[in-house]
Amino acid sequence: VSIPFTWPAPQIDGCVMAGFDAADRDQGFTHPAGLLDELRERFGPLVLDYRFPIGPGGELDLDLVRRAAEQKVEIALWLAEQYDVDLLFTVFMAADHTHHLCWDDWERRGLESRVAEVYRILDRAAGALADAAGEGSDVLDGDVVDPPLGLLDRDDLRIGDGRLPESRHPGRGRLEG
């Protein structure tokens, strides 16, 4: 779900919802091809996180980040159920976008910043996916940025069955505040 650089969506034994390189393109956005119409019928207009989430006043739009993350979780869980997937791969672009938009806010306000709130939103989304995977499932969680001060659970990659090392930071990815 929302995997960057997958347009057109590859034909695989399963389903694909292409990433930000497919924004505003219906053709090739999903595999199978009819899946896009089915997603829109079931979930309404797609709240894609492919563009920077900027509000009308130029601020980071936390409501848009929240709506996009919540809908993406709903879509991912529905797709996992419909396609009986062995692998569910979901990308949340807000983690990347936030750093381009308001890192200075993090430096000034830390856990009270919009950056921290974006990570709280994404933490809840990742937690919902992990919870749905259930006991005995491997859950791999990581990001492509490395914020200072251990803002995230930064194993770089973590897997739910303990084969990779425990977190170097307390809280296992839960931001307090």
N, C-alpha and C. Protein backbone atom coordinates (compact mmCIF):
# COMPACT_ATOMS: atom_id res chain seq x y z
N VAL A 1 0.85 -1.17 0.00
CA VAL A 1 0.00 0.00 0.00
C VAL A 1 0.89 1.23 0.00
N SER A 2 0.78 2.05 -1.05
CA SER A 2 1.51 3.31 -1.18
C SER A 2 3.02 3.13 -1.26
N ILE A 3 3.45 2.13 -1.98
CA ILE A 3 4.88 1.85 -2.09
C ILE A 3 5.50 2.76 -3.15
N PRO A 4 6.46 3.61 -2.75
CA PRO A 4 7.07 4.54 -3.72
C PRO A 4 7.70 3.81 -4.91
N PHE A 5 7.65 4.48 -6.03
CA PHE A 5 8.28 4.03 -7.28
C PHE A 5 7.73 2.69 -7.76
N THR A 6 6.43 2.51 -7.61
CA THR A 6 5.79 1.29 -8.10
C THR A 6 4.75 1.59 -9.17
N TRP A 7 4.83 2.75 -9.80
CA TRP A 7 3.89 3.04 -10.89
C TRP A 7 4.54 2.66 -12.20
N PRO A 8 3.84 1.99 -13.08
CA PRO A 8 2.52 1.41 -12.84
C PRO A 8 2.62 0.24 -11.86
N ALA A 9 1.53 0.04 -11.15
CA ALA A 9 1.50 -1.04 -10.16
C ALA A 9 1.86 -2.36 -10.84
N PRO A 10 2.84 -3.07 -10.30
CA PRO A 10 3.26 -4.32 -10.93
C PRO A 10 2.19 -5.41 -10.80
N GLN A 11 2.16 -6.27 -11.78
CA GLN A 11 1.23 -7.40 -11.75
C GLN A 11 1.87 -8.51 -10.94
N ILE A 12 1.31 -8.74 -9.77
CA ILE A 12 1.83 -9.76 -8.86
C ILE A 12 0.69 -10.68 -8.45
N ASP A 13 1.01 -11.72 -7.74
CA ASP A 13 0.00 -12.59 -7.16
C ASP A 13 -0.47 -11.93 -5.87
N GLY A 14 -1.38 -11.01 -5.99
CA GLY A 14 -1.85 -10.23 -4.85
C GLY A 14 -2.35 -8.88 -5.33
N CYS A 15 -2.08 -7.85 -4.54
CA CYS A 15 -2.55 -6.52 -4.88
C CYS A 15 -1.46 -5.50 -4.59
N VAL A 16 -1.53 -4.38 -5.31
CA VAL A 16 -0.59 -3.27 -5.12
C VAL A 16 -1.36 -1.97 -5.28
N MET A 17 -1.08 -1.03 -4.40
CA MET A 17 -1.55 0.35 -4.52
C MET A 17 -0.27 1.17 -4.64
N ALA A 18 -0.03 1.75 -5.83
CA ALA A 18 1.23 2.43 -6.11
C ALA A 18 1.46 3.62 -5.19
N GLY A 19 2.68 4.11 -5.19
CA GLY A 19 3.08 5.19 -4.30
C GLY A 19 2.96 6.56 -4.92
N PHE A 20 3.68 7.54 -4.34
CA PHE A 20 3.52 8.94 -4.71
C PHE A 20 3.81 9.23 -6.17
N ASP A 21 4.57 8.39 -6.85
CA ASP A 21 4.83 8.61 -8.26
C ASP A 21 3.59 8.35 -9.11
N ALA A 22 2.53 7.83 -8.50
CA ALA A 22 1.29 7.55 -9.21
C ALA A 22 0.20 8.56 -8.91
N ALA A 23 0.49 9.57 -8.11
CA ALA A 23 -0.54 10.54 -7.73
C ALA A 23 -1.21 11.12 -8.97
N ASP A 24 -2.50 11.26 -8.90
CA ASP A 24 -3.33 11.81 -9.97
C ASP A 24 -3.34 10.96 -11.23
N ARG A 25 -2.99 9.70 -11.11
CA ARG A 25 -3.03 8.79 -12.25
C ARG A 25 -3.93 7.62 -11.88
N ASP A 26 -5.04 7.50 -12.56
CA ASP A 26 -5.90 6.35 -12.30
C ASP A 26 -5.34 5.11 -12.98
N GLN A 27 -4.91 5.25 -14.23
CA GLN A 27 -4.39 4.11 -14.96
C GLN A 27 -3.06 3.67 -14.35
N GLY A 28 -2.99 2.41 -13.99
CA GLY A 28 -1.78 1.86 -13.42
C GLY A 28 -1.62 2.11 -11.92
N PHE A 29 -2.62 2.71 -11.28
CA PHE A 29 -2.51 3.03 -9.86
C PHE A 29 -2.60 1.79 -8.97
N THR A 30 -3.40 0.82 -9.41
CA THR A 30 -3.57 -0.39 -8.61
C THR A 30 -3.43 -1.63 -9.48
N HIS A 31 -3.12 -2.70 -8.81
CA HIS A 31 -3.24 -4.02 -9.41
C HIS A 31 -4.01 -4.87 -8.41
N PRO A 32 -5.05 -5.51 -8.84
CA PRO A 32 -5.61 -5.51 -10.18
C PRO A 32 -6.22 -4.15 -10.53
N ALA A 33 -6.38 -3.92 -11.82
CA ALA A 33 -6.80 -2.61 -12.32
C ALA A 33 -8.12 -2.13 -11.71
N GLY A 34 -9.08 -2.99 -11.52
CA GLY A 34 -10.38 -2.61 -10.98
C GLY A 34 -10.37 -2.29 -9.50
N LEU A 35 -9.25 -2.52 -8.84
CA LEU A 35 -9.16 -2.29 -7.40
C LEU A 35 -9.36 -0.83 -7.03
N LEU A 36 -8.89 0.10 -7.84
CA LEU A 36 -9.03 1.52 -7.52
C LEU A 36 -10.49 1.91 -7.39
N ASP A 37 -11.32 1.48 -8.33
CA ASP A 37 -12.75 1.79 -8.25
C ASP A 37 -13.37 1.16 -7.00
N GLU A 38 -12.95 -0.05 -6.68
CA GLU A 38 -13.47 -0.73 -5.50
C GLU A 38 -13.06 0.01 -4.21
N LEU A 39 -11.82 0.49 -4.17
CA LEU A 39 -11.37 1.25 -3.00
C LEU A 39 -12.17 2.54 -2.85
N ARG A 40 -12.37 3.24 -3.93
CA ARG A 40 -13.15 4.50 -3.87
C ARG A 40 -14.59 4.24 -3.46
N GLU A 41 -15.16 3.16 -3.96
CA GLU A 41 -16.54 2.83 -3.60
C GLU A 41 -16.64 2.50 -2.10
N ARG A 42 -15.67 1.78 -1.61
CA ARG A 42 -15.71 1.34 -0.21
C ARG A 42 -15.28 2.42 0.77
N PHE A 43 -14.24 3.22 0.41
CA PHE A 43 -13.64 4.17 1.35
C PHE A 43 -13.87 5.63 0.99
N GLY A 44 -14.57 5.88 -0.11
CA GLY A 44 -14.79 7.26 -0.54
C GLY A 44 -13.54 7.82 -1.19
N PRO A 45 -13.49 9.14 -1.31
CA PRO A 45 -12.29 9.75 -1.92
C PRO A 45 -11.04 9.34 -1.14
N LEU A 46 -10.01 8.95 -1.87
CA LEU A 46 -8.77 8.53 -1.20
C LEU A 46 -8.04 9.75 -0.66
N VAL A 47 -7.64 9.67 0.59
CA VAL A 47 -6.88 10.74 1.24
C VAL A 47 -5.41 10.33 1.15
N LEU A 48 -4.79 10.68 0.05
CA LEU A 48 -3.42 10.25 -0.20
C LEU A 48 -2.44 11.16 0.51
N ASP A 49 -1.35 10.58 0.96
CA ASP A 49 -0.33 11.38 1.64
C ASP A 49 0.89 11.58 0.74
N TYR A 50 0.63 11.76 -0.55
CA TYR A 50 1.72 11.85 -1.52
C TYR A 50 2.28 13.26 -1.64
N ARG A 51 1.51 14.24 -1.26
CA ARG A 51 1.97 15.62 -1.29
C ARG A 51 2.21 16.11 0.13
N PHE A 52 3.00 17.16 0.27
CA PHE A 52 3.23 17.72 1.60
C PHE A 52 1.89 18.13 2.20
N PRO A 53 1.63 17.77 3.46
CA PRO A 53 0.36 18.11 4.12
C PRO A 53 0.38 19.54 4.65
N ILE A 54 0.14 20.48 3.76
CA ILE A 54 0.20 21.89 4.12
C ILE A 54 -1.21 22.46 4.13
N GLY A 55 -1.58 23.12 5.23
CA GLY A 55 -2.88 23.73 5.35
C GLY A 55 -2.95 25.06 4.63
N PRO A 56 -4.13 25.68 4.62
CA PRO A 56 -4.32 26.93 3.88
C PRO A 56 -3.42 28.07 4.37
N GLY A 57 -3.00 28.02 5.62
CA GLY A 57 -2.14 29.07 6.16
C GLY A 57 -0.65 28.74 6.06
N GLY A 58 -0.34 27.65 5.36
CA GLY A 58 1.06 27.25 5.20
C GLY A 58 1.59 26.38 6.32
N GLU A 59 0.75 26.03 7.29
CA GLU A 59 1.16 25.20 8.43
C GLU A 59 1.01 23.72 8.09
N LEU A 60 1.67 22.88 8.85
CA LEU A 60 1.52 21.44 8.72
C LEU A 60 0.09 21.09 9.12
N ASP A 61 -0.63 20.43 8.25
CA ASP A 61 -2.04 20.09 8.46
C ASP A 61 -2.13 18.73 9.16
N LEU A 62 -2.18 18.74 10.47
CA LEU A 62 -2.22 17.50 11.25
C LEU A 62 -3.50 16.71 11.01
N ASP A 63 -4.60 17.40 10.72
CA ASP A 63 -5.85 16.70 10.44
C ASP A 63 -5.71 15.88 9.15
N LEU A 64 -5.06 16.43 8.14
CA LEU A 64 -4.83 15.70 6.90
C LEU A 64 -3.92 14.49 7.14
N VAL A 65 -2.86 14.68 7.92
CA VAL A 65 -1.96 13.57 8.27
C VAL A 65 -2.75 12.47 8.96
N ARG A 66 -3.59 12.85 9.91
CA ARG A 66 -4.39 11.89 10.68
C ARG A 66 -5.38 11.15 9.77
N ARG A 67 -6.11 11.90 8.94
CA ARG A 67 -7.09 11.27 8.05
C ARG A 67 -6.43 10.32 7.07
N ALA A 68 -5.29 10.74 6.49
CA ALA A 68 -4.58 9.89 5.54
C ALA A 68 -4.08 8.61 6.21
N ALA A 69 -3.51 8.73 7.40
CA ALA A 69 -2.99 7.56 8.11
C ALA A 69 -4.12 6.61 8.50
N GLU A 70 -5.22 7.14 9.01
CA GLU A 70 -6.33 6.30 9.42
C GLU A 70 -6.94 5.57 8.22
N GLN A 71 -7.12 6.29 7.10
CA GLN A 71 -7.69 5.64 5.93
C GLN A 71 -6.73 4.59 5.37
N LYS A 72 -5.44 4.89 5.39
CA LYS A 72 -4.46 3.93 4.87
C LYS A 72 -4.48 2.64 5.70
N VAL A 73 -4.62 2.76 7.01
CA VAL A 73 -4.73 1.57 7.86
C VAL A 73 -5.98 0.79 7.50
N GLU A 74 -7.12 1.48 7.35
CA GLU A 74 -8.37 0.80 6.98
C GLU A 74 -8.22 0.07 5.65
N ILE A 75 -7.61 0.74 4.67
CA ILE A 75 -7.41 0.13 3.35
C ILE A 75 -6.48 -1.08 3.47
N ALA A 76 -5.37 -0.92 4.16
CA ALA A 76 -4.40 -2.02 4.28
C ALA A 76 -5.03 -3.23 4.95
N LEU A 77 -5.80 -3.01 6.01
CA LEU A 77 -6.43 -4.13 6.71
C LEU A 77 -7.47 -4.80 5.83
N TRP A 78 -8.23 -4.00 5.09
CA TRP A 78 -9.23 -4.57 4.19
C TRP A 78 -8.56 -5.37 3.08
N LEU A 79 -7.50 -4.82 2.49
CA LEU A 79 -6.78 -5.54 1.44
C LEU A 79 -6.19 -6.84 1.97
N ALA A 80 -5.64 -6.80 3.17
CA ALA A 80 -5.07 -8.01 3.77
C ALA A 80 -6.14 -9.09 3.93
N GLU A 81 -7.33 -8.67 4.28
CA GLU A 81 -8.44 -9.63 4.44
C GLU A 81 -8.91 -10.15 3.08
N GLN A 82 -9.05 -9.27 2.11
CA GLN A 82 -9.56 -9.65 0.79
C GLN A 82 -8.60 -10.55 0.03
N TYR A 83 -7.31 -10.31 0.18
CA TYR A 83 -6.31 -11.01 -0.61
C TYR A 83 -5.53 -12.06 0.19
N ASP A 84 -5.86 -12.25 1.45
CA ASP A 84 -5.18 -13.24 2.29
C ASP A 84 -3.66 -13.15 2.08
N VAL A 85 -3.12 -11.99 2.37
CA VAL A 85 -1.73 -11.69 2.05
C VAL A 85 -0.74 -12.41 2.97
N ASP A 86 0.40 -12.72 2.39
CA ASP A 86 1.53 -13.24 3.17
C ASP A 86 2.44 -12.10 3.60
N LEU A 87 2.42 -11.00 2.84
CA LEU A 87 3.24 -9.83 3.12
C LEU A 87 2.39 -8.59 2.93
N LEU A 88 2.35 -7.75 3.95
CA LEU A 88 1.65 -6.47 3.88
C LEU A 88 2.69 -5.38 4.07
N PHE A 89 2.85 -4.55 3.07
CA PHE A 89 3.87 -3.50 3.07
C PHE A 89 3.13 -2.18 2.93
N THR A 90 3.26 -1.30 3.90
CA THR A 90 2.53 -0.04 3.91
C THR A 90 3.49 1.10 4.20
N VAL A 91 3.42 2.16 3.39
CA VAL A 91 4.31 3.31 3.53
C VAL A 91 3.49 4.53 3.93
N PHE A 92 3.96 5.24 4.95
CA PHE A 92 3.35 6.48 5.40
C PHE A 92 4.33 7.62 5.08
N MET A 93 3.99 8.45 4.11
CA MET A 93 4.91 9.49 3.64
C MET A 93 5.04 10.67 4.61
N ALA A 94 4.13 10.79 5.54
CA ALA A 94 4.16 11.95 6.46
C ALA A 94 5.47 12.00 7.26
N ALA A 95 6.08 10.85 7.53
CA ALA A 95 7.35 10.86 8.27
C ALA A 95 8.41 11.63 7.50
N ASP A 96 8.46 11.43 6.20
CA ASP A 96 9.41 12.15 5.36
C ASP A 96 9.01 13.61 5.20
N HIS A 97 7.77 13.86 4.89
CA HIS A 97 7.31 15.22 4.61
C HIS A 97 7.52 16.16 5.79
N THR A 98 7.28 15.65 6.98
CA THR A 98 7.38 16.48 8.18
C THR A 98 8.76 17.09 8.33
N HIS A 99 9.77 16.35 8.00
CA HIS A 99 11.14 16.84 8.15
C HIS A 99 11.45 17.97 7.18
N HIS A 100 10.81 17.94 6.02
CA HIS A 100 11.00 19.02 5.05
C HIS A 100 10.26 20.28 5.48
N LEU A 101 9.18 20.12 6.21
CA LEU A 101 8.30 21.24 6.50
C LEU A 101 8.58 21.93 7.83
N CYS A 102 8.88 21.18 8.87
CA CYS A 102 8.88 21.84 10.19
C CYS A 102 9.88 21.27 11.17
N TRP A 103 11.06 20.92 10.70
CA TRP A 103 12.07 20.43 11.63
C TRP A 103 12.42 21.49 12.66
N ASP A 104 12.37 22.75 12.26
CA ASP A 104 12.67 23.82 13.21
C ASP A 104 11.70 23.81 14.38
N ASP A 105 10.46 23.40 14.13
CA ASP A 105 9.47 23.29 15.20
C ASP A 105 9.91 22.23 16.21
N TRP A 106 10.46 21.10 15.72
CA TRP A 106 10.98 20.07 16.62
C TRP A 106 12.11 20.63 17.46
N GLU A 107 13.01 21.36 16.85
CA GLU A 107 14.15 21.90 17.58
C GLU A 107 13.72 22.89 18.65
N ARG A 108 12.65 23.66 18.38
CA ARG A 108 12.17 24.64 19.36
C ARG A 108 11.30 24.00 20.44
N ARG A 109 10.40 23.09 20.06
CA ARG A 109 9.36 22.63 20.99
C ARG A 109 9.41 21.14 21.34
N GLY A 110 10.29 20.39 20.71
CA GLY A 110 10.44 18.98 21.06
C GLY A 110 9.14 18.21 21.03
N LEU A 111 8.80 17.54 22.12
CA LEU A 111 7.61 16.69 22.18
C LEU A 111 6.30 17.45 22.06
N GLU A 112 6.34 18.76 22.17
CA GLU A 112 5.13 19.58 21.98
C GLU A 112 4.98 20.02 20.53
N SER A 113 5.90 19.65 19.67
CA SER A 113 5.92 20.12 18.27
C SER A 113 4.97 19.32 17.39
N ARG A 114 4.73 19.88 16.22
CA ARG A 114 3.93 19.17 15.22
C ARG A 114 4.66 17.93 14.72
N VAL A 115 5.98 17.96 14.70
CA VAL A 115 6.76 16.79 14.31
C VAL A 115 6.43 15.63 15.24
N ALA A 116 6.45 15.89 16.54
CA ALA A 116 6.14 14.84 17.52
C ALA A 116 4.72 14.33 17.33
N GLU A 117 3.79 15.23 17.04
CA GLU A 117 2.40 14.80 16.84
C GLU A 117 2.26 13.93 15.60
N VAL A 118 2.99 14.25 14.54
CA VAL A 118 2.97 13.39 13.35
C VAL A 118 3.43 11.99 13.73
N TYR A 119 4.50 11.90 14.51
CA TYR A 119 4.99 10.58 14.90
C TYR A 119 4.03 9.86 15.84
N ARG A 120 3.27 10.60 16.65
CA ARG A 120 2.24 9.95 17.47
C ARG A 120 1.16 9.35 16.56
N ILE A 121 0.75 10.11 15.55
CA ILE A 121 -0.26 9.64 14.60
C ILE A 121 0.25 8.38 13.90
N LEU A 122 1.48 8.43 13.42
CA LEU A 122 2.04 7.29 12.68
C LEU A 122 2.28 6.10 13.60
N ASP A 123 2.63 6.37 14.85
CA ASP A 123 2.81 5.30 15.82
C ASP A 123 1.49 4.56 16.04
N ARG A 124 0.39 5.30 16.16
CA ARG A 124 -0.92 4.66 16.32
C ARG A 124 -1.27 3.84 15.09
N ALA A 125 -0.96 4.37 13.90
CA ALA A 125 -1.26 3.65 12.66
C ALA A 125 -0.45 2.36 12.59
N ALA A 126 0.84 2.45 12.86
CA ALA A 126 1.69 1.25 12.83
C ALA A 126 1.25 0.25 13.90
N GLY A 127 0.85 0.76 15.06
CA GLY A 127 0.36 -0.11 16.12
C GLY A 127 -0.91 -0.84 15.73
N ALA A 128 -1.81 -0.16 15.02
CA ALA A 128 -3.05 -0.81 14.57
C ALA A 128 -2.73 -1.94 13.58
N LEU A 129 -1.78 -1.71 12.70
CA LEU A 129 -1.39 -2.76 11.75
C LEU A 129 -0.73 -3.93 12.49
N ALA A 130 0.14 -3.62 13.43
CA ALA A 130 0.81 -4.68 14.20
C ALA A 130 -0.20 -5.48 15.02
N ASP A 131 -1.15 -4.78 15.65
CA ASP A 131 -2.17 -5.47 16.43
C ASP A 131 -3.01 -6.40 15.56
N ALA A 132 -3.35 -5.93 14.36
CA ALA A 132 -4.16 -6.74 13.45
C ALA A 132 -3.39 -7.96 12.95
N ALA A 133 -2.07 -7.85 12.87
CA ALA A 133 -1.26 -8.98 12.41
C ALA A 133 -1.36 -10.16 13.37
N GLY A 134 -1.52 -9.85 14.65
CA GLY A 134 -1.74 -10.90 15.64
C GLY A 134 -0.47 -11.56 16.12
N GLU A 135 -0.63 -12.37 17.14
CA GLU A 135 0.48 -13.11 17.75
C GLU A 135 1.08 -14.06 16.71
N GLY A 136 2.38 -14.21 16.79
CA GLY A 136 3.06 -15.13 15.90
C GLY A 136 3.42 -14.54 14.54
N SER A 137 2.99 -13.31 14.29
CA SER A 137 3.32 -12.65 13.03
C SER A 137 4.60 -11.85 13.19
N ASP A 138 5.37 -11.79 12.13
CA ASP A 138 6.55 -10.95 12.12
C ASP A 138 6.14 -9.56 11.68
N VAL A 139 6.50 -8.56 12.47
CA VAL A 139 6.18 -7.17 12.15
C VAL A 139 7.49 -6.42 12.03
N LEU A 140 7.75 -5.92 10.87
CA LEU A 140 8.95 -5.17 10.58
C LEU A 140 8.58 -3.71 10.50
N ASP A 141 9.30 -2.87 11.21
CA ASP A 141 8.93 -1.47 11.32
C ASP A 141 10.20 -0.65 11.21
N GLY A 142 10.20 0.34 10.36
CA GLY A 142 11.39 1.18 10.23
C GLY A 142 11.04 2.48 9.52
N ASP A 143 12.03 3.32 9.38
CA ASP A 143 11.82 4.55 8.63
C ASP A 143 13.10 4.90 7.89
N VAL A 144 13.01 5.91 7.04
CA VAL A 144 14.16 6.27 6.22
C VAL A 144 14.89 7.50 6.74
N VAL A 145 14.43 8.03 7.85
CA VAL A 145 15.09 9.18 8.45
C VAL A 145 15.61 8.79 9.82
N ASP A 146 16.56 9.51 10.32
CA ASP A 146 17.11 9.18 11.63
C ASP A 146 17.13 10.44 12.49
N PRO A 147 15.98 10.79 13.09
CA PRO A 147 15.93 11.99 13.91
C PRO A 147 16.86 11.89 15.12
N PRO A 148 17.42 13.00 15.54
CA PRO A 148 18.28 12.97 16.72
C PRO A 148 17.49 12.72 18.00
N LEU A 149 18.18 12.41 19.03
CA LEU A 149 17.63 12.26 20.38
C LEU A 149 16.68 11.08 20.52
N GLY A 150 16.72 10.15 19.57
CA GLY A 150 15.90 8.95 19.71
C GLY A 150 14.42 9.23 19.70
N LEU A 151 13.97 10.15 18.85
CA LEU A 151 12.56 10.47 18.78
C LEU A 151 11.73 9.22 18.50
N LEU A 152 12.27 8.33 17.68
CA LEU A 152 11.56 7.09 17.34
C LEU A 152 12.24 5.90 17.98
N ASP A 153 11.56 4.80 17.95
CA ASP A 153 12.18 3.53 18.29
C ASP A 153 13.13 3.20 17.15
N ARG A 154 14.40 3.42 17.33
CA ARG A 154 15.34 3.38 16.22
C ARG A 154 16.23 2.16 16.22
N ASP A 155 15.62 0.98 16.14
CA ASP A 155 16.41 -0.20 15.86
C ASP A 155 16.84 -0.15 14.40
N ASP A 156 16.34 0.84 13.67
CA ASP A 156 16.38 0.96 12.22
C ASP A 156 15.40 -0.03 11.63
N LEU A 157 15.43 -1.25 12.07
CA LEU A 157 14.41 -2.23 11.71
C LEU A 157 14.14 -3.04 12.96
N ARG A 158 12.92 -3.41 13.15
CA ARG A 158 12.60 -4.21 14.33
C ARG A 158 11.64 -5.29 13.88
N ILE A 159 11.78 -6.43 14.42
CA ILE A 159 10.90 -7.53 14.06
C ILE A 159 10.26 -8.09 15.32
N GLY A 160 8.98 -8.39 15.23
CA GLY A 160 8.20 -8.72 16.41
C GLY A 160 8.58 -10.00 17.12
N ASP A 161 9.29 -10.92 16.49
CA ASP A 161 9.61 -12.16 17.18
C ASP A 161 10.95 -12.11 17.90
N GLY A 162 11.61 -10.94 17.94
CA GLY A 162 12.81 -10.78 18.73
C GLY A 162 14.10 -11.20 18.05
N ARG A 163 14.07 -11.51 16.76
CA ARG A 163 15.29 -11.91 16.09
C ARG A 163 16.26 -10.75 15.91
N LEU A 164 15.76 -9.54 15.92
CA LEU A 164 16.62 -8.37 15.87
C LEU A 164 16.73 -7.78 17.26
N PRO A 165 17.76 -6.98 17.53
CA PRO A 165 17.99 -6.47 18.88
C PRO A 165 16.85 -5.60 19.39
N GLU A 166 16.73 -5.55 20.70
CA GLU A 166 15.75 -4.69 21.34
C GLU A 166 16.05 -3.23 21.05
N SER A 167 15.09 -2.39 21.28
CA SER A 167 15.23 -0.96 21.04
C SER A 167 16.35 -0.36 21.88
N ARG A 168 17.02 0.61 21.28
CA ARG A 168 18.03 1.36 22.02
C ARG A 168 17.39 2.48 22.84
N HIS A 169 16.10 2.70 22.65
CA HIS A 169 15.42 3.81 23.31
C HIS A 169 14.22 3.29 24.08
N PRO A 170 13.96 3.84 25.25
CA PRO A 170 12.81 3.39 26.02
C PRO A 170 11.51 3.74 25.32
N GLY A 171 10.49 2.98 25.59
CA GLY A 171 9.17 3.30 25.10
C GLY A 171 8.75 2.54 23.88
N ARG A 172 9.63 1.78 23.26
CA ARG A 172 9.32 0.97 22.08
C ARG A 172 8.50 1.75 21.08
N GLY A 173 8.93 3.00 20.76
CA GLY A 173 8.28 3.76 19.70
C GLY A 173 7.11 4.59 20.16
N ARG A 174 6.82 4.60 21.43
CA ARG A 174 5.69 5.39 21.90
C ARG A 174 6.20 6.73 22.39
N LEU A 175 5.73 7.80 21.77
CA LEU A 175 6.12 9.15 22.20
C LEU A 175 5.24 9.57 23.36
N GLU A 176 5.85 9.99 24.38
CA GLU A 176 5.11 10.47 25.54
C GLU A 176 4.78 11.95 25.35
N GLY A 177 3.69 12.37 25.94
CA GLY A 177 3.36 13.79 25.89
C GLY A 177 2.07 14.08 25.19
